[in-house]
């Protein structure tokens, strides 16, 4: 029981520290720089509504492919 209480107190202090940091104006905790993007995997589910950044990247890729095709003609 002592181990559980000790662990609970440590975790509660960590959560409290993160919350106080956010309230004091620091950035919230974010994701890592890894994830599926680092593996080179794309949206297998066929993203019907991509986020604005992804939509801009997709549009830029399409435009680049069109320009390359025109230059090859």
PDB file of N, CA and C in Angstrom:
ATOM      1  N   UNK A   1       0.821  -1.185   0.000  1.00  0.00           N
ATOM      2  CA  UNK A   1       0.000   0.000   0.000  1.00  0.00           C
ATOM      3  C   UNK A   1       0.868   1.253   0.000  1.00  0.00           C
ATOM      4  N   UNK A   2       1.996   1.175   0.688  1.00  0.00           N
ATOM      5  CA  UNK A   2       2.898   2.316   0.749  1.00  0.00           C
ATOM      6  C   UNK A   2       3.435   2.660  -0.637  1.00  0.00           C
ATOM      7  N   UNK A   3       3.759   1.646  -1.415  1.00  0.00           N
ATOM      8  CA  UNK A   3       4.272   1.873  -2.772  1.00  0.00           C
ATOM      9  C   UNK A   3       3.215   2.564  -3.626  1.00  0.00           C
ATOM     10  N   UNK A   4       1.970   2.122  -3.513  1.00  0.00           N
ATOM     11  CA  UNK A   4       0.894   2.740  -4.274  1.00  0.00           C
ATOM     12  C   UNK A   4       0.743   4.210  -3.897  1.00  0.00           C
ATOM     13  N   UNK A   5       0.712   4.511  -2.621  1.00  0.00           N
ATOM     14  CA  UNK A   5       0.559   5.903  -2.187  1.00  0.00           C
ATOM     15  C   UNK A   5       1.732   6.761  -2.636  1.00  0.00           C
ATOM     16  N   UNK A   6       2.938   6.238  -2.515  1.00  0.00           N
ATOM     17  CA  UNK A   6       4.120   6.970  -2.954  1.00  0.00           C
ATOM     18  C   UNK A   6       4.052   7.266  -4.454  1.00  0.00           C
ATOM     19  N   UNK A   7       3.691   6.262  -5.243  1.00  0.00           N
ATOM     20  CA  UNK A   7       3.567   6.429  -6.693  1.00  0.00           C
ATOM     21  C   UNK A   7       2.463   7.419  -7.029  1.00  0.00           C
ATOM     22  N   UNK A   8       1.336   7.332  -6.346  1.00  0.00           N
ATOM     23  CA  UNK A   8       0.222   8.240  -6.580  1.00  0.00           C
ATOM     24  C   UNK A   8       0.628   9.684  -6.299  1.00  0.00           C
ATOM     25  N   UNK A   9       1.330   9.909  -5.213  1.00  0.00           N
ATOM     26  CA  UNK A   9       1.760  11.270  -4.847  1.00  0.00           C
ATOM     27  C   UNK A   9       2.722  11.811  -5.901  1.00  0.00           C
ATOM     28  N   UNK A  10       3.662  10.995  -6.333  1.00  0.00           N
ATOM     29  CA  UNK A  10       4.622  11.435  -7.359  1.00  0.00           C
ATOM     30  C   UNK A  10       3.904  11.795  -8.656  1.00  0.00           C
ATOM     31  N   UNK A  11       2.976  10.969  -9.091  1.00  0.00           N
ATOM     32  CA  UNK A  11       2.236  11.237 -10.329  1.00  0.00           C
ATOM     33  C   UNK A  11       1.359  12.473 -10.182  1.00  0.00           C
ATOM     34  N   UNK A  12       0.735  12.645  -9.027  1.00  0.00           N
ATOM     35  CA  UNK A  12      -0.094  13.827  -8.791  1.00  0.00           C
ATOM     36  C   UNK A  12       0.758  15.099  -8.817  1.00  0.00           C
ATOM     37  N   UNK A  13       1.950  15.046  -8.241  1.00  0.00           N
ATOM     38  CA  UNK A  13       2.843  16.209  -8.274  1.00  0.00           C
ATOM     39  C   UNK A  13       3.290  16.533  -9.701  1.00  0.00           C
ATOM     40  N   UNK A  14       3.542  15.498 -10.488  1.00  0.00           N
ATOM     41  CA  UNK A  14       3.934  15.717 -11.882  1.00  0.00           C
ATOM     42  C   UNK A  14       2.785  16.373 -12.659  1.00  0.00           C
ATOM     43  N   UNK A  15       1.566  15.864 -12.489  1.00  0.00           N
ATOM     44  CA  UNK A  15       0.411  16.443 -13.171  1.00  0.00           C
ATOM     45  C   UNK A  15       0.167  17.872 -12.708  1.00  0.00           C
ATOM     46  N   UNK A  16       0.307  18.122 -11.423  1.00  0.00           N
ATOM     47  CA  UNK A  16       0.139  19.471 -10.889  1.00  0.00           C
ATOM     48  C   UNK A  16       1.191  20.416 -11.476  1.00  0.00           C
ATOM     49  N   UNK A  17       2.430  19.944 -11.580  1.00  0.00           N
ATOM     50  CA  UNK A  17       3.490  20.765 -12.160  1.00  0.00           C
ATOM     51  C   UNK A  17       3.203  21.115 -13.610  1.00  0.00           C
ATOM     52  N   UNK A  18       2.718  20.152 -14.393  1.00  0.00           N
ATOM     53  CA  UNK A  18       2.369  20.420 -15.788  1.00  0.00           C
ATOM     54  C   UNK A  18       1.218  21.414 -15.876  1.00  0.00           C
ATOM     55  N   UNK A  19       0.215  21.252 -15.021  1.00  0.00           N
ATOM     56  CA  UNK A  19      -0.935  22.153 -15.036  1.00  0.00           C
ATOM     57  C   UNK A  19      -0.524  23.572 -14.651  1.00  0.00           C
ATOM     58  N   UNK A  20       0.307  23.705 -13.650  1.00  0.00           N
ATOM     59  CA  UNK A  20       0.757  25.039 -13.242  1.00  0.00           C
ATOM     60  C   UNK A  20       1.573  25.681 -14.359  1.00  0.00           C
ATOM     61  N   UNK A  21       2.408  24.894 -15.031  1.00  0.00           N
ATOM     62  CA  UNK A  21       3.178  25.433 -16.147  1.00  0.00           C
ATOM     63  C   UNK A  21       2.295  25.959 -17.253  1.00  0.00           C
ATOM     64  N   UNK A  22       1.223  25.250 -17.580  1.00  0.00           N
ATOM     65  CA  UNK A  22       0.301  25.712 -18.627  1.00  0.00           C
ATOM     66  C   UNK A  22      -0.430  26.969 -18.165  1.00  0.00           C
ATOM     67  N   UNK A  23      -0.850  27.002 -16.904  1.00  0.00           N
ATOM     68  CA  UNK A  23      -1.563  28.180 -16.388  1.00  0.00           C
ATOM     69  C   UNK A  23      -0.665  29.410 -16.350  1.00  0.00           C
ATOM     70  N   UNK A  24       0.638  29.207 -16.215  1.00  0.00           N
ATOM     71  CA  UNK A  24       1.569  30.328 -16.155  1.00  0.00           C
ATOM     72  C   UNK A  24       1.975  30.812 -17.548  1.00  0.00           C
ATOM     73  N   UNK A  25       1.402  30.231 -18.584  1.00  0.00           N
ATOM     74  CA  UNK A  25       1.621  30.733 -19.929  1.00  0.00           C
ATOM     75  C   UNK A  25       2.548  29.917 -20.794  1.00  0.00           C
ATOM     76  N   UNK A  26       3.043  28.809 -20.320  1.00  0.00           N
ATOM     77  CA  UNK A  26       3.910  27.971 -21.151  1.00  0.00           C
ATOM     78  C   UNK A  26       3.077  27.156 -22.125  1.00  0.00           C
ATOM     79  N   UNK A  27       3.722  26.653 -23.174  1.00  0.00           N
ATOM     80  CA  UNK A  27       3.018  25.821 -24.144  1.00  0.00           C
ATOM     81  C   UNK A  27       2.533  24.532 -23.492  1.00  0.00           C
ATOM     82  N   UNK A  28       1.353  24.048 -23.883  1.00  0.00           N
ATOM     83  CA  UNK A  28       0.892  22.757 -23.373  1.00  0.00           C
ATOM     84  C   UNK A  28       1.805  21.635 -23.862  1.00  0.00           C
ATOM     85  N   UNK A  29       1.755  20.517 -23.188  1.00  0.00           N
ATOM     86  CA  UNK A  29       2.539  19.362 -23.585  1.00  0.00           C
ATOM     87  C   UNK A  29       2.060  18.913 -24.954  1.00  0.00           C
ATOM     88  N   UNK A  30       2.981  18.700 -25.875  1.00  0.00           N
ATOM     89  CA  UNK A  30       2.630  18.294 -27.231  1.00  0.00           C
ATOM     90  C   UNK A  30       3.134  16.904 -27.534  1.00  0.00           C
ATOM     91  N   UNK A  31       2.823  16.460 -28.713  1.00  0.00           N
ATOM     92  CA  UNK A  31       3.269  15.149 -29.139  1.00  0.00           C
ATOM     93  C   UNK A  31       4.753  15.144 -29.469  1.00  0.00           C
ATOM     94  N   UNK A  32       5.263  13.975 -29.708  1.00  0.00           N
ATOM     95  CA  UNK A  32       6.675  13.851 -30.043  1.00  0.00           C
ATOM     96  C   UNK A  32       6.886  14.202 -31.509  1.00  0.00           C
ATOM     97  N   UNK A  33       8.116  14.205 -31.915  1.00  0.00           N
ATOM     98  CA  UNK A  33       8.447  14.466 -33.316  1.00  0.00           C
ATOM     99  C   UNK A  33       8.370  13.195 -34.145  1.00  0.00           C
ATOM    100  N   UNK A  34       7.929  12.135 -33.545  1.00  0.00           N
ATOM    101  CA  UNK A  34       7.875  10.848 -34.240  1.00  0.00           C
ATOM    102  C   UNK A  34       6.492  10.586 -34.789  1.00  0.00           C
ATOM    103  N   UNK A  35       6.044   9.421 -34.608  1.00  0.00           N
ATOM    104  CA  UNK A  35       4.721   9.042 -35.077  1.00  0.00           C
ATOM    105  C   UNK A  35       4.767   8.402 -36.452  1.00  0.00           C
ATOM    106  N   UNK A  36       3.609   8.255 -37.069  1.00  0.00           N
ATOM    107  CA  UNK A  36       3.515   7.602 -38.368  1.00  0.00           C
ATOM    108  C   UNK A  36       4.227   8.380 -39.457  1.00  0.00           C
ATOM    109  N   UNK A  37       4.322   9.709 -39.312  1.00  0.00           N
ATOM    110  CA  UNK A  37       4.983  10.515 -40.329  1.00  0.00           C
ATOM    111  C   UNK A  37       6.457  10.142 -40.451  1.00  0.00           C
ATOM    112  N   UNK A  38       7.099   9.821 -39.349  1.00  0.00           N
ATOM    113  CA  UNK A  38       8.508   9.431 -39.374  1.00  0.00           C
ATOM    114  C   UNK A  38       8.701   8.074 -40.048  1.00  0.00           C
ATOM    115  N   UNK A  39       7.679   7.245 -40.034  1.00  0.00           N
ATOM    116  CA  UNK A  39       7.772   5.931 -40.664  1.00  0.00           C
ATOM    117  C   UNK A  39       7.495   6.012 -42.159  1.00  0.00           C
ATOM    118  N   UNK A  40       7.038   7.170 -42.621  1.00  0.00           N
ATOM    119  CA  UNK A  40       6.717   7.328 -44.030  1.00  0.00           C
ATOM    120  C   UNK A  40       5.367   6.771 -44.402  1.00  0.00           C
ATOM    121  N   UNK A  41       4.543   6.476 -43.414  1.00  0.00           N
ATOM    122  CA  UNK A  41       3.214   5.943 -43.693  1.00  0.00           C
ATOM    123  C   UNK A  41       2.248   7.073 -43.977  1.00  0.00           C
ATOM    124  N   UNK A  42       1.334   6.846 -44.863  1.00  0.00           N
ATOM    125  CA  UNK A  42       0.333   7.840 -45.200  1.00  0.00           C
ATOM    126  C   UNK A  42      -0.994   7.431 -44.585  1.00  0.00           C
ATOM    127  N   UNK A  43      -1.977   8.241 -44.735  1.00  0.00           N
ATOM    128  CA  UNK A  43      -3.290   7.961 -44.173  1.00  0.00           C
ATOM    129  C   UNK A  43      -3.924   6.807 -44.947  1.00  0.00           C
ATOM    130  N   UNK A  44      -3.945   5.630 -44.344  1.00  0.00           N
ATOM    131  CA  UNK A  44      -4.496   4.459 -45.006  1.00  0.00           C
ATOM    132  C   UNK A  44      -6.014   4.498 -45.080  1.00  0.00           C
ATOM    133  N   UNK A  45      -6.627   5.295 -44.210  1.00  0.00           N
ATOM    134  CA  UNK A  45      -8.081   5.349 -44.167  1.00  0.00           C
ATOM    135  C   UNK A  45      -8.642   6.270 -45.244  1.00  0.00           C
ATOM    136  N   UNK A  46      -7.782   6.907 -46.045  1.00  0.00           N
ATOM    137  CA  UNK A  46      -8.260   7.800 -47.088  1.00  0.00           C
ATOM    138  C   UNK A  46      -8.856   9.064 -46.504  1.00  0.00           C
ATOM    139  N   UNK A  47      -8.030   9.862 -45.887  1.00  0.00           N
ATOM    140  CA  UNK A  47      -8.482  11.074 -45.208  1.00  0.00           C
ATOM    141  C   UNK A  47      -9.397  11.898 -46.109  1.00  0.00           C
ATOM    142  N   UNK A  48     -10.660  11.937 -45.767  1.00  0.00           N
ATOM    143  CA  UNK A  48     -11.612  12.676 -46.588  1.00  0.00           C
ATOM    144  C   UNK A  48     -11.537  14.171 -46.321  1.00  0.00           C
ATOM    145  N   UNK A  49     -11.063  14.552 -45.137  1.00  0.00           N
ATOM    146  CA  UNK A  49     -10.954  15.963 -44.809  1.00  0.00           C
ATOM    147  C   UNK A  49      -9.610  16.193 -44.104  1.00  0.00           C
ATOM    148  N   UNK A  50      -8.534  16.358 -44.892  1.00  0.00           N
ATOM    149  CA  UNK A  50      -7.228  16.544 -44.268  1.00  0.00           C
ATOM    150  C   UNK A  50      -7.133  17.911 -43.593  1.00  0.00           C
ATOM    151  N   UNK A  51      -6.211  18.024 -42.665  1.00  0.00           N
ATOM    152  CA  UNK A  51      -5.997  19.297 -41.988  1.00  0.00           C
ATOM    153  C   UNK A  51      -5.452  20.308 -42.998  1.00  0.00           C
ATOM    154  N   UNK A  52      -5.541  21.607 -42.709  1.00  0.00           N
ATOM    155  CA  UNK A  52      -5.092  22.629 -43.667  1.00  0.00           C
ATOM    156  C   UNK A  52      -3.629  22.473 -44.103  1.00  0.00           C
ATOM    157  N   UNK A  53      -2.749  22.110 -43.188  1.00  0.00           N
ATOM    158  CA  UNK A  53      -1.342  21.943 -43.559  1.00  0.00           C
ATOM    159  C   UNK A  53      -1.171  20.794 -44.557  1.00  0.00           C
ATOM    160  N   UNK A  54      -1.857  19.688 -44.284  1.00  0.00           N
ATOM    161  CA  UNK A  54      -1.753  18.529 -45.174  1.00  0.00           C
ATOM    162  C   UNK A  54      -2.374  18.842 -46.528  1.00  0.00           C
ATOM    163  N   UNK A  55      -3.506  19.540 -46.540  1.00  0.00           N
ATOM    164  CA  UNK A  55      -4.155  19.905 -47.800  1.00  0.00           C
ATOM    165  C   UNK A  55      -3.238  20.803 -48.634  1.00  0.00           C
ATOM    166  N   UNK A  56      -2.547  21.737 -47.970  1.00  0.00           N
ATOM    167  CA  UNK A  56      -1.622  22.620 -48.686  1.00  0.00           C
ATOM    168  C   UNK A  56      -0.456  21.827 -49.271  1.00  0.00           C
ATOM    169  N   UNK A  57       0.066  20.852 -48.503  1.00  0.00           N
ATOM    170  CA  UNK A  57       1.162  20.012 -49.010  1.00  0.00           C
ATOM    171  C   UNK A  57       0.701  19.189 -50.208  1.00  0.00           C
ATOM    172  N   UNK A  58      -0.515  18.648 -50.120  1.00  0.00           N
ATOM    173  CA  UNK A  58      -1.035  17.839 -51.218  1.00  0.00           C
ATOM    174  C   UNK A  58      -1.226  18.690 -52.465  1.00  0.00           C
ATOM    175  N   UNK A  59      -1.752  19.897 -52.287  1.00  0.00           N
ATOM    176  CA  UNK A  59      -1.971  20.787 -53.420  1.00  0.00           C
ATOM    177  C   UNK A  59      -0.636  21.206 -54.040  1.00  0.00           C
ATOM    178  N   UNK A  60       0.356  21.477 -53.214  1.00  0.00           N
ATOM    179  CA  UNK A  60       1.677  21.847 -53.722  1.00  0.00           C
ATOM    180  C   UNK A  60       2.298  20.690 -54.493  1.00  0.00           C
ATOM    181  N   UNK A  61       2.105  19.468 -54.030  1.00  0.00           N
ATOM    182  CA  UNK A  61       2.645  18.303 -54.729  1.00  0.00           C
ATOM    183  C   UNK A  61       1.974  18.120 -56.083  1.00  0.00           C
ATOM    184  N   UNK A  62       0.663  18.343 -56.142  1.00  0.00           N
ATOM    185  CA  UNK A  62      -0.061  18.223 -57.412  1.00  0.00           C
ATOM    186  C   UNK A  62       0.422  19.291 -58.387  1.00  0.00           C
ATOM    187  N   UNK A  63       0.580  20.523 -57.925  1.00  0.00           N
ATOM    188  CA  UNK A  63       1.052  21.607 -58.790  1.00  0.00           C
ATOM    189  C   UNK A  63       2.467  21.344 -59.288  1.00  0.00           C
ATOM    190  N   UNK A  64       3.320  20.834 -58.425  1.00  0.00           N
ATOM    191  CA  UNK A  64       4.693  20.521 -58.823  1.00  0.00           C
ATOM    192  C   UNK A  64       4.708  19.423 -59.883  1.00  0.00           C
ATOM    193  N   UNK A  65       3.862  18.422 -59.730  1.00  0.00           N
ATOM    194  CA  UNK A  65       3.791  17.336 -60.707  1.00  0.00           C
ATOM    195  C   UNK A  65       3.277  17.855 -62.037  1.00  0.00           C
ATOM    196  N   UNK A  66       2.313  18.761 -62.016  1.00  0.00           N
ATOM    197  CA  UNK A  66       1.787  19.347 -63.251  1.00  0.00           C
ATOM    198  C   UNK A  66       2.847  20.173 -63.959  1.00  0.00           C
ATOM    199  N   UNK A  67       3.601  20.957 -63.189  1.00  0.00           N
ATOM    200  CA  UNK A  67       4.662  21.786 -63.793  1.00  0.00           C
ATOM    201  C   UNK A  67       5.757  20.916 -64.379  1.00  0.00           C
ATOM    202  N   UNK A  68       6.090  19.827 -63.705  1.00  0.00           N
ATOM    203  CA  UNK A  68       7.119  18.928 -64.220  1.00  0.00           C
ATOM    204  C   UNK A  68       6.647  18.259 -65.493  1.00  0.00           C
ATOM    205  N   UNK A  69       5.378  17.890 -65.562  1.00  0.00           N
ATOM    206  CA  UNK A  69       4.828  17.269 -66.749  1.00  0.00           C
ATOM    207  C   UNK A  69       4.834  18.255 -67.925  1.00  0.00           C
ATOM    208  N   UNK A  70       4.544  19.520 -67.642  1.00  0.00           N
ATOM    209  CA  UNK A  70       4.563  20.538 -68.713  1.00  0.00           C
ATOM    210  C   UNK A  70       5.971  20.774 -69.215  1.00  0.00           C
ATOM    211  N   UNK A  71       6.959  20.734 -68.335  1.00  0.00           N
ATOM    212  CA  UNK A  71       8.339  20.964 -68.736  1.00  0.00           C
ATOM    213  C   UNK A  71       8.868  19.808 -69.585  1.00  0.00           C
ATOM    214  N   UNK A  72       8.360  18.620 -69.381  1.00  0.00           N
ATOM    215  CA  UNK A  72       8.813  17.475 -70.144  1.00  0.00           C
ATOM    216  C   UNK A  72       8.227  17.446 -71.562  1.00  0.00           C
ATOM    217  N   UNK A  73       7.194  18.210 -71.800  1.00  0.00           N
ATOM    218  CA  UNK A  73       6.551  18.232 -73.115  1.00  0.00           C
ATOM    219  C   UNK A  73       7.334  19.021 -74.083  1.00  0.00           C
TER     220      UNK A  73
END
